[in-house]
Amino acid sequence: MRKTSIIILTYNNLSLTKGCIESIFKYTEKDSYEIIVVDNASTDDTVAYLKEQKDIKTIFNSENVGFPKGCNMGIQLASKDNDILLLNNDTIVTTNWLKNLKICLESDEK
């Protein structure tokens, strides 16, 4: 299976972002994904937290560019040929979540 670029937009709400990212690390098969976080000028500790993360690609916007433009920025940073998944930062994933989504996605070539 191809890797997946998981794109998450953030604007403040650090506790939600931490929960989301920690659940991805816990419940997603290693080497099957990359995380890309686009921060839309957070004013809480979100930026500092993201800068500490080693396995996350980040974009730090100096202004809030909105959801669609932020998503497109993340997509542009994604590794070539990866599947793209937009994930809200208030999402907590569970066991086999990505594997099951990919099985469904690839179950029909159409």
PDB file of N, CA and C in Angstrom:
ATOM      1  N   MET A   1       0.834  -1.193   0.000  1.00  0.00           N
ATOM      2  CA  MET A   1       0.000   0.000   0.000  1.00  0.00           C
ATOM      3  C   MET A   1       0.876   1.253   0.000  1.00  0.00           C
ATOM      4  N   ARG A   2       0.362   2.289  -0.629  1.00  0.00           N
ATOM      5  CA  ARG A   2       1.062   3.570  -0.642  1.00  0.00           C
ATOM      6  C   ARG A   2       0.982   4.226   0.730  1.00  0.00           C
ATOM      7  N   LYS A   3       1.937   5.102   0.972  1.00  0.00           N
ATOM      8  CA  LYS A   3       1.909   5.890   2.203  1.00  0.00           C
ATOM      9  C   LYS A   3       0.801   6.939   2.111  1.00  0.00           C
ATOM     10  N   THR A   4       0.457   7.477   3.265  1.00  0.00           N
ATOM     11  CA  THR A   4      -0.563   8.512   3.353  1.00  0.00           C
ATOM     12  C   THR A   4       0.028   9.755   3.992  1.00  0.00           C
ATOM     13  N   SER A   5      -0.228  10.897   3.393  1.00  0.00           N
ATOM     14  CA  SER A   5       0.124  12.177   3.995  1.00  0.00           C
ATOM     15  C   SER A   5      -1.104  12.665   4.756  1.00  0.00           C
ATOM     16  N   ILE A   6      -0.969  12.738   6.080  1.00  0.00           N
ATOM     17  CA  ILE A   6      -2.055  13.188   6.946  1.00  0.00           C
ATOM     18  C   ILE A   6      -1.839  14.680   7.192  1.00  0.00           C
ATOM     19  N   ILE A   7      -2.757  15.483   6.702  1.00  0.00           N
ATOM     20  CA  ILE A   7      -2.627  16.933   6.788  1.00  0.00           C
ATOM     21  C   ILE A   7      -3.594  17.458   7.844  1.00  0.00           C
ATOM     22  N   ILE A   8      -3.030  18.166   8.814  1.00  0.00           N
ATOM     23  CA  ILE A   8      -3.804  18.698   9.929  1.00  0.00           C
ATOM     24  C   ILE A   8      -3.597  20.202   9.978  1.00  0.00           C
ATOM     25  N   LEU A   9      -4.683  20.965  10.032  1.00  0.00           N
ATOM     26  CA  LEU A   9      -4.597  22.408  10.219  1.00  0.00           C
ATOM     27  C   LEU A   9      -4.798  22.725  11.695  1.00  0.00           C
ATOM     28  N   THR A  10      -4.024  23.692  12.185  1.00  0.00           N
ATOM     29  CA  THR A  10      -4.180  24.091  13.578  1.00  0.00           C
ATOM     30  C   THR A  10      -4.343  25.597  13.680  1.00  0.00           C
ATOM     31  N   TYR A  11      -5.108  25.976  14.663  1.00  0.00           N
ATOM     32  CA  TYR A  11      -5.208  27.364  15.095  1.00  0.00           C
ATOM     33  C   TYR A  11      -5.576  27.315  16.574  1.00  0.00           C
ATOM     34  N   ASN A  12      -4.563  27.468  17.413  1.00  0.00           N
ATOM     35  CA  ASN A  12      -4.732  27.348  18.864  1.00  0.00           C
ATOM     36  C   ASN A  12      -5.246  25.947  19.229  1.00  0.00           C
ATOM     37  N   ASN A  13      -5.883  25.797  20.363  1.00  0.00           N
ATOM     38  CA  ASN A  13      -6.400  24.499  20.825  1.00  0.00           C
ATOM     39  C   ASN A  13      -5.307  23.428  20.913  1.00  0.00           C
ATOM     40  N   LEU A  14      -4.222  23.758  21.588  1.00  0.00           N
ATOM     41  CA  LEU A  14      -3.088  22.838  21.710  1.00  0.00           C
ATOM     42  C   LEU A  14      -3.499  21.476  22.253  1.00  0.00           C
ATOM     43  N   SER A  15      -4.370  21.431  23.241  1.00  0.00           N
ATOM     44  CA  SER A  15      -4.737  20.136  23.825  1.00  0.00           C
ATOM     45  C   SER A  15      -5.400  19.229  22.792  1.00  0.00           C
ATOM     46  N   LEU A  16      -6.203  19.794  21.910  1.00  0.00           N
ATOM     47  CA  LEU A  16      -6.819  18.993  20.850  1.00  0.00           C
ATOM     48  C   LEU A  16      -5.762  18.474  19.882  1.00  0.00           C
ATOM     49  N   THR A  17      -4.849  19.342  19.498  1.00  0.00           N
ATOM     50  CA  THR A  17      -3.792  18.963  18.557  1.00  0.00           C
ATOM     51  C   THR A  17      -2.919  17.858  19.142  1.00  0.00           C
ATOM     52  N   LYS A  18      -2.535  17.994  20.401  1.00  0.00           N
ATOM     53  CA  LYS A  18      -1.726  16.957  21.056  1.00  0.00           C
ATOM     54  C   LYS A  18      -2.455  15.619  21.054  1.00  0.00           C
ATOM     55  N   GLY A  19      -3.720  15.630  21.422  1.00  0.00           N
ATOM     56  CA  GLY A  19      -4.496  14.397  21.455  1.00  0.00           C
ATOM     57  C   GLY A  19      -4.573  13.742  20.092  1.00  0.00           C
ATOM     58  N   CYS A  20      -4.777  14.538  19.076  1.00  0.00           N
ATOM     59  CA  CYS A  20      -4.858  14.024  17.703  1.00  0.00           C
ATOM     60  C   CYS A  20      -3.536  13.389  17.292  1.00  0.00           C
ATOM     61  N   ILE A  21      -2.452  14.114  17.453  1.00  0.00           N
ATOM     62  CA  ILE A  21      -1.143  13.621  17.021  1.00  0.00           C
ATOM     63  C   ILE A  21      -0.729  12.392  17.822  1.00  0.00           C
ATOM     64  N   GLU A  22      -0.939  12.415  19.129  1.00  0.00           N
ATOM     65  CA  GLU A  22      -0.593  11.256  19.960  1.00  0.00           C
ATOM     66  C   GLU A  22      -1.384  10.024  19.554  1.00  0.00           C
ATOM     67  N   SER A  23      -2.653  10.201  19.194  1.00  0.00           N
ATOM     68  CA  SER A  23      -3.454   9.041  18.769  1.00  0.00           C
ATOM     69  C   SER A  23      -2.965   8.500  17.429  1.00  0.00           C
ATOM     70  N   ILE A  24      -2.505   9.374  16.544  1.00  0.00           N
ATOM     71  CA  ILE A  24      -1.946   8.901  15.273  1.00  0.00           C
ATOM     72  C   ILE A  24      -0.691   8.076  15.536  1.00  0.00           C
ATOM     73  N   PHE A  25       0.201   8.590  16.372  1.00  0.00           N
ATOM     74  CA  PHE A  25       1.419   7.842  16.701  1.00  0.00           C
ATOM     75  C   PHE A  25       1.091   6.491  17.336  1.00  0.00           C
ATOM     76  N   LYS A  26       0.086   6.453  18.170  1.00  0.00           N
ATOM     77  CA  LYS A  26      -0.253   5.227  18.901  1.00  0.00           C
ATOM     78  C   LYS A  26      -0.963   4.194  18.031  1.00  0.00           C
ATOM     79  N   TYR A  27      -1.856   4.631  17.157  1.00  0.00           N
ATOM     80  CA  TYR A  27      -2.751   3.704  16.466  1.00  0.00           C
ATOM     81  C   TYR A  27      -2.513   3.572  14.960  1.00  0.00           C
ATOM     82  N   THR A  28      -1.413   4.099  14.461  1.00  0.00           N
ATOM     83  CA  THR A  28      -1.157   4.039  13.029  1.00  0.00           C
ATOM     84  C   THR A  28       0.153   3.302  12.780  1.00  0.00           C
ATOM     85  N   GLU A  29       0.115   2.382  11.824  1.00  0.00           N
ATOM     86  CA  GLU A  29       1.286   1.558  11.524  1.00  0.00           C
ATOM     87  C   GLU A  29       2.470   2.431  11.121  1.00  0.00           C
ATOM     88  N   LYS A  30       3.573   2.212  11.794  1.00  0.00           N
ATOM     89  CA  LYS A  30       4.797   2.979  11.531  1.00  0.00           C
ATOM     90  C   LYS A  30       5.180   2.852  10.057  1.00  0.00           C
ATOM     91  N   ASP A  31       5.714   3.899   9.494  1.00  0.00           N
ATOM     92  CA  ASP A  31       6.173   3.958   8.105  1.00  0.00           C
ATOM     93  C   ASP A  31       5.050   3.866   7.073  1.00  0.00           C
ATOM     94  N   SER A  32       3.793   4.035   7.505  1.00  0.00           N
ATOM     95  CA  SER A  32       2.694   4.022   6.543  1.00  0.00           C
ATOM     96  C   SER A  32       2.155   5.421   6.278  1.00  0.00           C
ATOM     97  N   TYR A  33       2.754   6.417   6.935  1.00  0.00           N
ATOM     98  CA  TYR A  33       2.203   7.767   6.849  1.00  0.00           C
ATOM     99  C   TYR A  33       3.272   8.813   7.140  1.00  0.00           C
ATOM    100  N   GLU A  34       2.918  10.048   6.825  1.00  0.00           N
ATOM    101  CA  GLU A  34       3.646  11.215   7.292  1.00  0.00           C
ATOM    102  C   GLU A  34       2.600  12.196   7.795  1.00  0.00           C
ATOM    103  N   ILE A  35       2.971  12.969   8.793  1.00  0.00           N
ATOM    104  CA  ILE A  35       2.076  14.001   9.320  1.00  0.00           C
ATOM    105  C   ILE A  35       2.599  15.359   8.872  1.00  0.00           C
ATOM    106  N   ILE A  36       1.681  16.152   8.334  1.00  0.00           N
ATOM    107  CA  ILE A  36       1.988  17.529   7.942  1.00  0.00           C
ATOM    108  C   ILE A  36       1.011  18.428   8.690  1.00  0.00           C
ATOM    109  N   VAL A  37       1.545  19.343   9.484  1.00  0.00           N
ATOM    110  CA  VAL A  37       0.693  20.271  10.219  1.00  0.00           C
ATOM    111  C   VAL A  37       0.908  21.674   9.663  1.00  0.00           C
ATOM    112  N   VAL A  38      -0.191  22.312   9.316  1.00  0.00           N
ATOM    113  CA  VAL A  38      -0.171  23.700   8.870  1.00  0.00           C
ATOM    114  C   VAL A  38      -0.802  24.527   9.983  1.00  0.00           C
ATOM    115  N   ASP A  39       0.004  25.379  10.596  1.00  0.00           N
ATOM    116  CA  ASP A  39      -0.503  26.215  11.680  1.00  0.00           C
ATOM    117  C   ASP A  39      -0.870  27.590  11.138  1.00  0.00           C
ATOM    118  N   ASN A  40      -2.091  28.001  11.439  1.00  0.00           N
ATOM    119  CA  ASN A  40      -2.616  29.274  10.956  1.00  0.00           C
ATOM    120  C   ASN A  40      -2.464  30.380  11.997  1.00  0.00           C
ATOM    121  N   ALA A  41      -1.216  30.629  12.404  1.00  0.00           N
ATOM    122  CA  ALA A  41      -0.871  31.745  13.294  1.00  0.00           C
ATOM    123  C   ALA A  41      -1.442  31.589  14.704  1.00  0.00           C
ATOM    124  N   SER A  42      -1.267  30.410  15.277  1.00  0.00           N
ATOM    125  CA  SER A  42      -1.714  30.185  16.656  1.00  0.00           C
ATOM    126  C   SER A  42      -1.026  31.147  17.607  1.00  0.00           C
ATOM    127  N   THR A  43      -1.742  31.541  18.660  1.00  0.00           N
ATOM    128  CA  THR A  43      -1.193  32.449  19.656  1.00  0.00           C
ATOM    129  C   THR A  43      -0.990  31.764  21.008  1.00  0.00           C
ATOM    130  N   ASP A  44      -1.356  30.492  21.107  1.00  0.00           N
ATOM    131  CA  ASP A  44      -1.095  29.741  22.334  1.00  0.00           C
ATOM    132  C   ASP A  44       0.231  29.000  22.175  1.00  0.00           C
ATOM    133  N   ASP A  45       0.438  27.909  22.852  1.00  0.00           N
ATOM    134  CA  ASP A  45       1.705  27.175  22.795  1.00  0.00           C
ATOM    135  C   ASP A  45       1.778  26.148  21.663  1.00  0.00           C
ATOM    136  N   THR A  46       0.848  26.199  20.720  1.00  0.00           N
ATOM    137  CA  THR A  46       0.827  25.229  19.627  1.00  0.00           C
ATOM    138  C   THR A  46       2.116  25.249  18.816  1.00  0.00           C
ATOM    139  N   VAL A  47       2.585  26.413  18.444  1.00  0.00           N
ATOM    140  CA  VAL A  47       3.800  26.522  17.618  1.00  0.00           C
ATOM    141  C   VAL A  47       4.996  25.929  18.349  1.00  0.00           C
ATOM    142  N   ALA A  48       5.166  26.252  19.614  1.00  0.00           N
ATOM    143  CA  ALA A  48       6.290  25.717  20.394  1.00  0.00           C
ATOM    144  C   ALA A  48       6.219  24.190  20.457  1.00  0.00           C
ATOM    145  N   TYR A  49       5.034  23.648  20.685  1.00  0.00           N
ATOM    146  CA  TYR A  49       4.853  22.194  20.714  1.00  0.00           C
ATOM    147  C   TYR A  49       5.236  21.569  19.376  1.00  0.00           C
ATOM    148  N   LEU A  50       4.745  22.138  18.292  1.00  0.00           N
ATOM    149  CA  LEU A  50       5.024  21.579  16.970  1.00  0.00           C
ATOM    150  C   LEU A  50       6.509  21.638  16.632  1.00  0.00           C
ATOM    151  N   LYS A  51       7.183  22.688  17.053  1.00  0.00           N
ATOM    152  CA  LYS A  51       8.617  22.809  16.784  1.00  0.00           C
ATOM    153  C   LYS A  51       9.430  21.752  17.529  1.00  0.00           C
ATOM    154  N   GLU A  52       8.896  21.216  18.608  1.00  0.00           N
ATOM    155  CA  GLU A  52       9.573  20.158  19.372  1.00  0.00           C
ATOM    156  C   GLU A  52       9.423  18.786  18.722  1.00  0.00           C
ATOM    157  N   GLN A  53       8.453  18.620  17.846  1.00  0.00           N
ATOM    158  CA  GLN A  53       8.161  17.312  17.250  1.00  0.00           C
ATOM    159  C   GLN A  53       9.177  17.005  16.148  1.00  0.00           C
ATOM    160  N   LYS A  54       9.726  15.817  16.194  1.00  0.00           N
ATOM    161  CA  LYS A  54      10.767  15.424  15.239  1.00  0.00           C
ATOM    162  C   LYS A  54      10.207  14.806  13.962  1.00  0.00           C
ATOM    163  N   ASP A  55       9.100  14.106  14.063  1.00  0.00           N
ATOM    164  CA  ASP A  55       8.579  13.329  12.937  1.00  0.00           C
ATOM    165  C   ASP A  55       7.383  13.984  12.261  1.00  0.00           C
ATOM    166  N   ILE A  56       7.327  15.304  12.292  1.00  0.00           N
ATOM    167  CA  ILE A  56       6.200  16.033  11.709  1.00  0.00           C
ATOM    168  C   ILE A  56       6.748  17.125  10.797  1.00  0.00           C
ATOM    169  N   LYS A  57       6.202  17.217   9.594  1.00  0.00           N
ATOM    170  CA  LYS A  57       6.502  18.345   8.711  1.00  0.00           C
ATOM    171  C   LYS A  57       5.562  19.480   9.104  1.00  0.00           C
ATOM    172  N   THR A  58       6.084  20.696   9.121  1.00  0.00           N
ATOM    173  CA  THR A  58       5.259  21.820   9.567  1.00  0.00           C
ATOM    174  C   THR A  58       5.382  23.018   8.636  1.00  0.00           C
ATOM    175  N   ILE A  59       4.313  23.772   8.619  1.00  0.00           N
ATOM    176  CA  ILE A  59       4.276  25.079   7.976  1.00  0.00           C
ATOM    177  C   ILE A  59       3.703  26.027   9.022  1.00  0.00           C
ATOM    178  N   PHE A  60       4.391  27.131   9.265  1.00  0.00           N
ATOM    179  CA  PHE A  60       3.935  28.114  10.236  1.00  0.00           C
ATOM    180  C   PHE A  60       3.552  29.390   9.500  1.00  0.00           C
ATOM    181  N   ASN A  61       2.263  29.628   9.376  1.00  0.00           N
ATOM    182  CA  ASN A  61       1.779  30.834   8.707  1.00  0.00           C
ATOM    183  C   ASN A  61       1.821  32.017   9.671  1.00  0.00           C
ATOM    184  N   SER A  62       2.160  33.180   9.160  1.00  0.00           N
ATOM    185  CA  SER A  62       2.208  34.389   9.986  1.00  0.00           C
ATOM    186  C   SER A  62       0.826  35.023  10.141  1.00  0.00           C
ATOM    187  N   GLU A  63      -0.119  34.526   9.346  1.00  0.00           N
ATOM    188  CA  GLU A  63      -1.515  34.966   9.466  1.00  0.00           C
ATOM    189  C   GLU A  63      -2.418  33.775   9.193  1.00  0.00           C
ATOM    190  N   ASN A  64      -3.657  33.888   9.636  1.00  0.00           N
ATOM    191  CA  ASN A  64      -4.620  32.815   9.410  1.00  0.00           C
ATOM    192  C   ASN A  64      -5.096  32.899   7.960  1.00  0.00           C
ATOM    193  N   VAL A  65      -4.654  31.933   7.146  1.00  0.00           N
ATOM    194  CA  VAL A  65      -4.996  31.949   5.720  1.00  0.00           C
ATOM    195  C   VAL A  65      -6.285  31.190   5.426  1.00  0.00           C
ATOM    196  N   GLY A  66      -6.912  30.630   6.449  1.00  0.00           N
ATOM    197  CA  GLY A  66      -8.156  29.899   6.272  1.00  0.00           C
ATOM    198  C   GLY A  66      -7.933  28.428   5.991  1.00  0.00           C
ATOM    199  N   PHE A  67      -9.019  27.685   6.065  1.00  0.00           N
ATOM    200  CA  PHE A  67      -8.952  26.235   5.925  1.00  0.00           C
ATOM    201  C   PHE A  67      -8.567  25.771   4.514  1.00  0.00           C
ATOM    202  N   PRO A  68      -9.259  26.229   3.463  1.00  0.00           N
ATOM    203  CA  PRO A  68      -8.927  25.717   2.121  1.00  0.00           C
ATOM    204  C   PRO A  68      -7.481  25.996   1.711  1.00  0.00           C
ATOM    205  N   LYS A  69      -7.025  27.229   1.902  1.00  0.00           N
ATOM    206  CA  LYS A  69      -5.659  27.571   1.513  1.00  0.00           C
ATOM    207  C   LYS A  69      -4.645  26.812   2.372  1.00  0.00           C
ATOM    208  N   GLY A  70      -4.924  26.679   3.659  1.00  0.00           N
ATOM    209  CA  GLY A  70      -4.042  25.919   4.539  1.00  0.00           C
ATOM    210  C   GLY A  70      -3.940  24.465   4.113  1.00  0.00           C
ATOM    211  N   CYS A  71      -5.066  23.878   3.760  1.00  0.00           N
ATOM    212  CA  CYS A  71      -5.056  22.483   3.275  1.00  0.00           C
ATOM    213  C   CYS A  71      -4.221  22.362   2.005  1.00  0.00           C
ATOM    214  N   ASN A  72      -4.398  23.282   1.090  1.00  0.00           N
ATOM    215  CA  ASN A  72      -3.621  23.246  -0.159  1.00  0.00           C
ATOM    216  C   ASN A  72      -2.130  23.394   0.105  1.00  0.00           C
ATOM    217  N   MET A  73      -1.758  24.199   1.079  1.00  0.00           N
ATOM    218  CA  MET A  73      -0.343  24.340   1.428  1.00  0.00           C
ATOM    219  C   MET A  73       0.207  23.006   1.940  1.00  0.00           C
ATOM    220  N   GLY A  74      -0.564  22.323   2.770  1.00  0.00           N
ATOM    221  CA  GLY A  74      -0.147  21.022   3.275  1.00  0.00           C
ATOM    222  C   GLY A  74      -0.037  19.988   2.177  1.00  0.00           C
ATOM    223  N   ILE A  75      -0.990  19.998   1.262  1.00  0.00           N
ATOM    224  CA  ILE A  75      -0.968  19.057   0.136  1.00  0.00           C
ATOM    225  C   ILE A  75       0.287  19.276  -0.707  1.00  0.00           C
ATOM    226  N   GLN A  76       0.667  20.517  -0.922  1.00  0.00           N
ATOM    227  CA  GLN A  76       1.866  20.817  -1.709  1.00  0.00           C
ATOM    228  C   GLN A  76       3.138  20.295  -1.046  1.00  0.00           C
ATOM    229  N   LEU A  77       3.137  20.193   0.278  1.00  0.00           N
ATOM    230  CA  LEU A  77       4.304  19.708   1.006  1.00  0.00           C
ATOM    231  C   LEU A  77       4.353  18.173   1.082  1.00  0.00           C
ATOM    232  N   ALA A  78       3.245  17.528   0.750  1.00  0.00           N
ATOM    233  CA  ALA A  78       3.159  16.063   0.847  1.00  0.00           C
ATOM    234  C   ALA A  78       4.129  15.388  -0.120  1.00  0.00           C
ATOM    235  N   SER A  79       4.629  14.245   0.317  1.00  0.00           N
ATOM    236  CA  SER A  79       5.521  13.464  -0.538  1.00  0.00           C
ATOM    237  C   SER A  79       4.774  12.993  -1.775  1.00  0.00           C
ATOM    238  N   LYS A  80       5.475  13.012  -2.891  1.00  0.00           N
ATOM    239  CA  LYS A  80       4.883  12.643  -4.177  1.00  0.00           C
ATOM    240  C   LYS A  80       4.335  11.221  -4.124  1.00  0.00           C
ATOM    241  N   ASP A  81       3.215  10.993  -4.752  1.00  0.00           N
ATOM    242  CA  ASP A  81       2.557   9.698  -4.882  1.00  0.00           C
ATOM    243  C   ASP A  81       1.883   9.202  -3.604  1.00  0.00           C
ATOM    244  N   ASN A  82       1.928   9.964  -2.524  1.00  0.00           N
ATOM    245  CA  ASN A  82       1.198   9.577  -1.320  1.00  0.00           C
ATOM    246  C   ASN A  82      -0.288   9.834  -1.499  1.00  0.00           C
ATOM    247  N   ASP A  83      -1.094   9.044  -0.810  1.00  0.00           N
ATOM    248  CA  ASP A  83      -2.502   9.384  -0.673  1.00  0.00           C
ATOM    249  C   ASP A  83      -2.582  10.590   0.255  1.00  0.00           C
ATOM    250  N   ILE A  84      -3.634  11.387   0.113  1.00  0.00           N
ATOM    251  CA  ILE A  84      -3.818  12.590   0.920  1.00  0.00           C
ATOM    252  C   ILE A  84      -5.020  12.387   1.825  1.00  0.00           C
ATOM    253  N   LEU A  85      -4.842  12.719   3.111  1.00  0.00           N
ATOM    254  CA  LEU A  85      -5.929  12.631   4.079  1.00  0.00           C
ATOM    255  C   LEU A  85      -5.960  13.927   4.871  1.00  0.00           C
ATOM    256  N   LEU A  86      -7.069  14.644   4.814  1.00  0.00           N
ATOM    257  CA  LEU A  86      -7.250  15.853   5.615  1.00  0.00           C
ATOM    258  C   LEU A  86      -7.916  15.430   6.919  1.00  0.00           C
ATOM    259  N   LEU A  87      -7.308  15.814   8.044  1.00  0.00           N
ATOM    260  CA  LEU A  87      -7.799  15.381   9.344  1.00  0.00           C
ATOM    261  C   LEU A  87      -7.927  16.598  10.254  1.00  0.00           C
ATOM    262  N   ASN A  88      -9.094  16.778  10.845  1.00  0.00           N
ATOM    263  CA  ASN A  88      -9.276  17.876  11.794  1.00  0.00           C
ATOM    264  C   ASN A  88      -8.486  17.604  13.064  1.00  0.00           C
ATOM    265  N   ASN A  89      -7.974  18.649  13.683  1.00  0.00           N
ATOM    266  CA  ASN A  89      -7.129  18.470  14.860  1.00  0.00           C
ATOM    267  C   ASN A  89      -7.902  18.037  16.103  1.00  0.00           C
ATOM    268  N   ASP A  90      -9.211  17.993  16.050  1.00  0.00           N
ATOM    269  CA  ASP A  90      -9.990  17.492  17.183  1.00  0.00           C
ATOM    270  C   ASP A  90     -10.365  16.021  17.023  1.00  0.00           C
ATOM    271  N   THR A  91      -9.744  15.346  16.058  1.00  0.00           N
ATOM    272  CA  THR A  91     -10.003  13.932  15.813  1.00  0.00           C
ATOM    273  C   THR A  91      -9.065  13.063  16.638  1.00  0.00           C
ATOM    274  N   ILE A  92      -9.621  12.048  17.267  1.00  0.00           N
ATOM    275  CA  ILE A  92      -8.835  11.023  17.956  1.00  0.00           C
ATOM    276  C   ILE A  92      -9.050   9.734  17.172  1.00  0.00           C
ATOM    277  N   VAL A  93      -7.978   9.186  16.622  1.00  0.00           N
ATOM    278  CA  VAL A  93      -8.094   7.965  15.827  1.00  0.00           C
ATOM    279  C   VAL A  93      -7.978   6.743  16.739  1.00  0.00           C
ATOM    280  N   THR A  94      -8.398   5.592  16.220  1.00  0.00           N
ATOM    281  CA  THR A  94      -8.397   4.356  16.998  1.00  0.00           C
ATOM    282  C   THR A  94      -7.685   3.248  16.225  1.00  0.00           C
ATOM    283  N   THR A  95      -7.605   2.099  16.820  1.00  0.00           N
ATOM    284  CA  THR A  95      -6.890   0.956  16.255  1.00  0.00           C
ATOM    285  C   THR A  95      -7.302   0.688  14.807  1.00  0.00           C
ATOM    286  N   ASN A  96      -6.314   0.532  13.952  1.00  0.00           N
ATOM    287  CA  ASN A  96      -6.497   0.159  12.538  1.00  0.00           C
ATOM    288  C   ASN A  96      -7.286   1.178  11.720  1.00  0.00           C
ATOM    289  N   TRP A  97      -7.406   2.373  12.187  1.00  0.00           N
ATOM    290  CA  TRP A  97      -8.230   3.357  11.489  1.00  0.00           C
ATOM    291  C   TRP A  97      -7.759   3.610  10.065  1.00  0.00           C
ATOM    292  N   LEU A  98      -6.464   3.842   9.890  1.00  0.00           N
ATOM    293  CA  LEU A  98      -5.952   4.160   8.554  1.00  0.00           C
ATOM    294  C   LEU A  98      -5.939   2.918   7.669  1.00  0.00           C
ATOM    295  N   LYS A  99      -5.540   1.808   8.220  1.00  0.00           N
ATOM    296  CA  LYS A  99      -5.513   0.554   7.461  1.00  0.00           C
ATOM    297  C   LYS A  99      -6.908   0.237   6.916  1.00  0.00           C
ATOM    298  N   ASN A 100      -7.929   0.370   7.738  1.00  0.00           N
ATOM    299  CA  ASN A 100      -9.288   0.078   7.294  1.00  0.00           C
ATOM    300  C   ASN A 100      -9.785   1.076   6.256  1.00  0.00           C
ATOM    301  N   LEU A 101      -9.435   2.349   6.411  1.00  0.00           N
ATOM    302  CA  LEU A 101      -9.803   3.338   5.386  1.00  0.00           C
ATOM    303  C   LEU A 101      -9.159   3.003   4.048  1.00  0.00           C
ATOM    304  N   LYS A 102      -7.892   2.594   4.092  1.00  0.00           N
ATOM    305  CA  LYS A 102      -7.182   2.274   2.848  1.00  0.00           C
ATOM    306  C   LYS A 102      -7.736   1.007   2.203  1.00  0.00           C
ATOM    307  N   ILE A 103      -8.111   0.027   2.995  1.00  0.00           N
ATOM    308  CA  ILE A 103      -8.728  -1.181   2.441  1.00  0.00           C
ATOM    309  C   ILE A 103      -9.997  -0.810   1.689  1.00  0.00           C
ATOM    310  N   CYS A 104     -10.801   0.039   2.282  1.00  0.00           N
ATOM    311  CA  CYS A 104     -12.041   0.492   1.633  1.00  0.00           C
ATOM    312  C   CYS A 104     -11.718   1.286   0.367  1.00  0.00           C
ATOM    313  N   LEU A 105     -10.773   2.206   0.469  1.00  0.00           N
ATOM    314  CA  LEU A 105     -10.401   3.046  -0.670  1.00  0.00           C
ATOM    315  C   LEU A 105      -9.944   2.209  -1.859  1.00  0.00           C
ATOM    316  N   GLU A 106      -9.160   1.192  -1.578  1.00  0.00           N
ATOM    317  CA  GLU A 106      -8.567   0.385  -2.646  1.00  0.00           C
ATOM    318  C   GLU A 106      -9.394  -0.845  -3.014  1.00  0.00           C
ATOM    319  N   SER A 107     -10.580  -0.996  -2.457  1.00  0.00           N
ATOM    320  CA  SER A 107     -11.408  -2.177  -2.703  1.00  0.00           C
ATOM    321  C   SER A 107     -12.039  -2.164  -4.087  1.00  0.00           C
ATOM    322  N   ASP A 108     -12.097  -1.016  -4.728  1.00  0.00           N
ATOM    323  CA  ASP A 108     -12.683  -0.911  -6.049  1.00  0.00           C
ATOM    324  C   ASP A 108     -11.847   0.092  -6.851  1.00  0.00           C
ATOM    325  N   GLU A 109     -11.344  -0.336  -7.976  1.00  0.00           N
ATOM    326  CA  GLU A 109     -10.466   0.539  -8.765  1.00  0.00           C
ATOM    327  C   GLU A 109     -11.151   1.790  -9.262  1.00  0.00           C
ATOM    328  N   LYS A 110     -12.472   1.827  -9.241  1.00  0.00           N
ATOM    329  CA  LYS A 110     -13.211   3.021  -9.688  1.00  0.00           C
ATOM    330  C   LYS A 110     -13.131   4.103  -8.648  1.00  0.00           C
TER     331      LYS A 110
END
